[in-house]
Amino acid sequence: MTWQLWRQDDNGNRFLVGDFETRELAERKMAGLARGHHKQIYWISNTCEQGDADTGGSYR
């Protein structure tokens, strides 16, 4: 199982930021991106889930 970090831009477009071996690594990357000046929506999903559903780790 891998963990995927996704982002959604202001126009509703969704992009895969990256695949990570652990949720912790994905969360670290997400926290770093969330510190940026332009706020986007980020979330983490695992490859065992259907689609790219939010797993409770989103930031704006």
N, C-alpha and C. Protein backbone atom coordinates (compact mmCIF):
# COMPACT_ATOMS: atom_id res chain seq x y z
N MET A 1 0.85 -1.17 0.00
CA MET A 1 0.00 0.00 0.00
C MET A 1 0.89 1.23 0.00
N THR A 2 0.51 2.21 -0.80
CA THR A 2 1.18 3.51 -0.79
C THR A 2 0.16 4.59 -0.46
N TRP A 3 0.68 5.74 -0.10
CA TRP A 3 -0.15 6.89 0.23
C TRP A 3 0.05 7.96 -0.83
N GLN A 4 -1.06 8.54 -1.27
CA GLN A 4 -1.01 9.57 -2.30
C GLN A 4 -1.40 10.91 -1.71
N LEU A 5 -0.65 11.94 -2.10
CA LEU A 5 -0.96 13.30 -1.71
C LEU A 5 -1.55 14.00 -2.93
N TRP A 6 -2.72 14.60 -2.74
CA TRP A 6 -3.44 15.28 -3.81
C TRP A 6 -3.62 16.74 -3.44
N ARG A 7 -3.81 17.57 -4.47
CA ARG A 7 -4.18 18.97 -4.23
C ARG A 7 -5.27 19.38 -5.21
N GLN A 8 -6.06 20.34 -4.80
CA GLN A 8 -7.10 20.90 -5.65
C GLN A 8 -6.85 22.38 -5.77
N ASP A 9 -6.84 22.90 -7.00
CA ASP A 9 -6.59 24.32 -7.19
C ASP A 9 -7.88 25.13 -7.10
N ASP A 10 -7.76 26.42 -7.30
CA ASP A 10 -8.90 27.32 -7.17
C ASP A 10 -10.00 27.06 -8.19
N ASN A 11 -9.68 26.39 -9.28
CA ASN A 11 -10.66 26.08 -10.32
C ASN A 11 -11.27 24.70 -10.17
N GLY A 12 -10.92 23.99 -9.09
CA GLY A 12 -11.47 22.67 -8.85
C GLY A 12 -10.71 21.54 -9.52
N ASN A 13 -9.60 21.85 -10.19
CA ASN A 13 -8.78 20.81 -10.82
C ASN A 13 -7.98 20.07 -9.76
N ARG A 14 -7.91 18.76 -9.89
CA ARG A 14 -7.21 17.92 -8.91
C ARG A 14 -5.94 17.37 -9.53
N PHE A 15 -4.86 17.36 -8.72
CA PHE A 15 -3.56 16.92 -9.19
C PHE A 15 -2.91 16.01 -8.16
N LEU A 16 -2.29 14.96 -8.64
CA LEU A 16 -1.51 14.09 -7.77
C LEU A 16 -0.17 14.76 -7.52
N VAL A 17 0.13 15.03 -6.25
CA VAL A 17 1.40 15.64 -5.88
C VAL A 17 2.48 14.57 -5.82
N GLY A 18 2.16 13.41 -5.24
CA GLY A 18 3.15 12.35 -5.17
C GLY A 18 2.65 11.12 -4.45
N ASP A 19 3.41 10.05 -4.60
CA ASP A 19 3.16 8.78 -3.91
C ASP A 19 4.22 8.62 -2.82
N PHE A 20 3.80 8.13 -1.65
CA PHE A 20 4.70 8.01 -0.51
C PHE A 20 4.55 6.62 0.10
N GLU A 21 5.65 6.11 0.64
CA GLU A 21 5.63 4.78 1.25
C GLU A 21 4.87 4.74 2.56
N THR A 22 4.85 5.88 3.29
CA THR A 22 4.14 5.93 4.57
C THR A 22 3.26 7.16 4.62
N ARG A 23 2.23 7.09 5.44
CA ARG A 23 1.35 8.24 5.63
C ARG A 23 2.11 9.40 6.26
N GLU A 24 3.05 9.07 7.15
CA GLU A 24 3.83 10.11 7.81
C GLU A 24 4.60 10.96 6.80
N LEU A 25 5.21 10.32 5.82
CA LEU A 25 5.94 11.07 4.79
C LEU A 25 4.99 11.95 3.98
N ALA A 26 3.83 11.43 3.65
CA ALA A 26 2.83 12.23 2.92
C ALA A 26 2.37 13.42 3.76
N GLU A 27 2.16 13.20 5.06
CA GLU A 27 1.73 14.28 5.94
C GLU A 27 2.80 15.37 6.07
N ARG A 28 4.06 14.96 6.12
CA ARG A 28 5.16 15.95 6.19
C ARG A 28 5.18 16.82 4.95
N LYS A 29 5.04 16.20 3.79
CA LYS A 29 5.03 16.96 2.54
C LYS A 29 3.83 17.89 2.50
N MET A 30 2.66 17.38 2.92
CA MET A 30 1.45 18.20 2.92
C MET A 30 1.60 19.39 3.85
N ALA A 31 2.19 19.19 5.03
CA ALA A 31 2.38 20.28 5.98
C ALA A 31 3.30 21.34 5.39
N GLY A 32 4.35 20.92 4.70
CA GLY A 32 5.25 21.87 4.07
C GLY A 32 4.56 22.68 2.99
N LEU A 33 3.76 22.03 2.17
CA LEU A 33 3.03 22.73 1.12
C LEU A 33 1.98 23.66 1.69
N ALA A 34 1.34 23.26 2.77
CA ALA A 34 0.27 24.06 3.38
C ALA A 34 0.82 25.35 3.99
N ARG A 35 2.12 25.39 4.28
CA ARG A 35 2.73 26.61 4.83
C ARG A 35 2.93 27.68 3.77
N GLY A 36 2.70 27.35 2.52
CA GLY A 36 2.89 28.30 1.43
C GLY A 36 1.92 29.47 1.50
N HIS A 37 2.22 30.51 0.75
CA HIS A 37 1.40 31.72 0.78
C HIS A 37 0.06 31.55 0.07
N HIS A 38 0.05 30.78 -1.01
CA HIS A 38 -1.19 30.56 -1.75
C HIS A 38 -1.83 29.28 -1.25
N LYS A 39 -2.94 29.41 -0.58
CA LYS A 39 -3.58 28.24 0.03
C LYS A 39 -4.34 27.41 -1.01
N GLN A 40 -4.11 26.13 -0.95
CA GLN A 40 -4.81 25.16 -1.79
C GLN A 40 -5.40 24.10 -0.86
N ILE A 41 -6.20 23.24 -1.41
CA ILE A 41 -6.74 22.13 -0.63
C ILE A 41 -5.86 20.91 -0.89
N TYR A 42 -5.39 20.27 0.19
CA TYR A 42 -4.57 19.06 0.10
C TYR A 42 -5.25 17.94 0.86
N TRP A 43 -5.10 16.71 0.38
CA TRP A 43 -5.59 15.56 1.12
C TRP A 43 -4.75 14.35 0.79
N ILE A 44 -4.85 13.37 1.67
CA ILE A 44 -4.08 12.13 1.52
C ILE A 44 -5.05 10.98 1.38
N SER A 45 -4.75 10.08 0.45
CA SER A 45 -5.53 8.85 0.31
C SER A 45 -4.55 7.69 0.17
N ASN A 46 -5.03 6.50 0.47
CA ASN A 46 -4.15 5.35 0.26
C ASN A 46 -4.63 4.57 -0.94
N THR A 47 -3.75 3.74 -1.48
CA THR A 47 -4.06 3.04 -2.72
C THR A 47 -5.08 1.93 -2.54
N CYS A 48 -5.43 1.60 -1.30
CA CYS A 48 -6.46 0.59 -1.05
C CYS A 48 -7.86 1.16 -1.09
N GLU A 49 -7.97 2.50 -1.07
CA GLU A 49 -9.29 3.14 -1.08
C GLU A 49 -9.77 3.28 -2.51
N GLN A 50 -11.07 3.38 -2.66
CA GLN A 50 -11.66 3.62 -3.97
C GLN A 50 -11.49 5.09 -4.32
N GLY A 51 -10.94 5.39 -5.48
CA GLY A 51 -10.82 6.77 -5.94
C GLY A 51 -9.84 7.56 -5.08
N ASP A 52 -10.14 8.86 -4.92
CA ASP A 52 -9.27 9.73 -4.15
C ASP A 52 -10.01 10.37 -2.99
N ALA A 53 -10.78 9.55 -2.28
CA ALA A 53 -11.58 10.04 -1.17
C ALA A 53 -10.71 10.61 -0.08
N ASP A 54 -11.20 11.62 0.59
CA ASP A 54 -10.51 12.26 1.70
C ASP A 54 -10.41 11.29 2.87
N THR A 55 -9.24 11.24 3.49
CA THR A 55 -9.05 10.35 4.63
C THR A 55 -8.91 11.14 5.93
N GLY A 56 -9.37 12.37 5.93
CA GLY A 56 -9.34 13.16 7.16
C GLY A 56 -8.07 13.94 7.35
N GLY A 57 -7.22 14.03 6.36
CA GLY A 57 -5.99 14.74 6.52
C GLY A 57 -5.87 15.94 5.59
N SER A 58 -6.94 16.67 5.38
CA SER A 58 -6.87 17.78 4.43
C SER A 58 -6.52 19.08 5.12
N TYR A 59 -5.87 19.96 4.36
CA TYR A 59 -5.50 21.29 4.83
C TYR A 59 -5.92 22.29 3.79
N ARG A 60 -6.20 23.50 4.22
CA ARG A 60 -6.48 24.61 3.30
C ARG A 60 -5.49 25.70 3.54
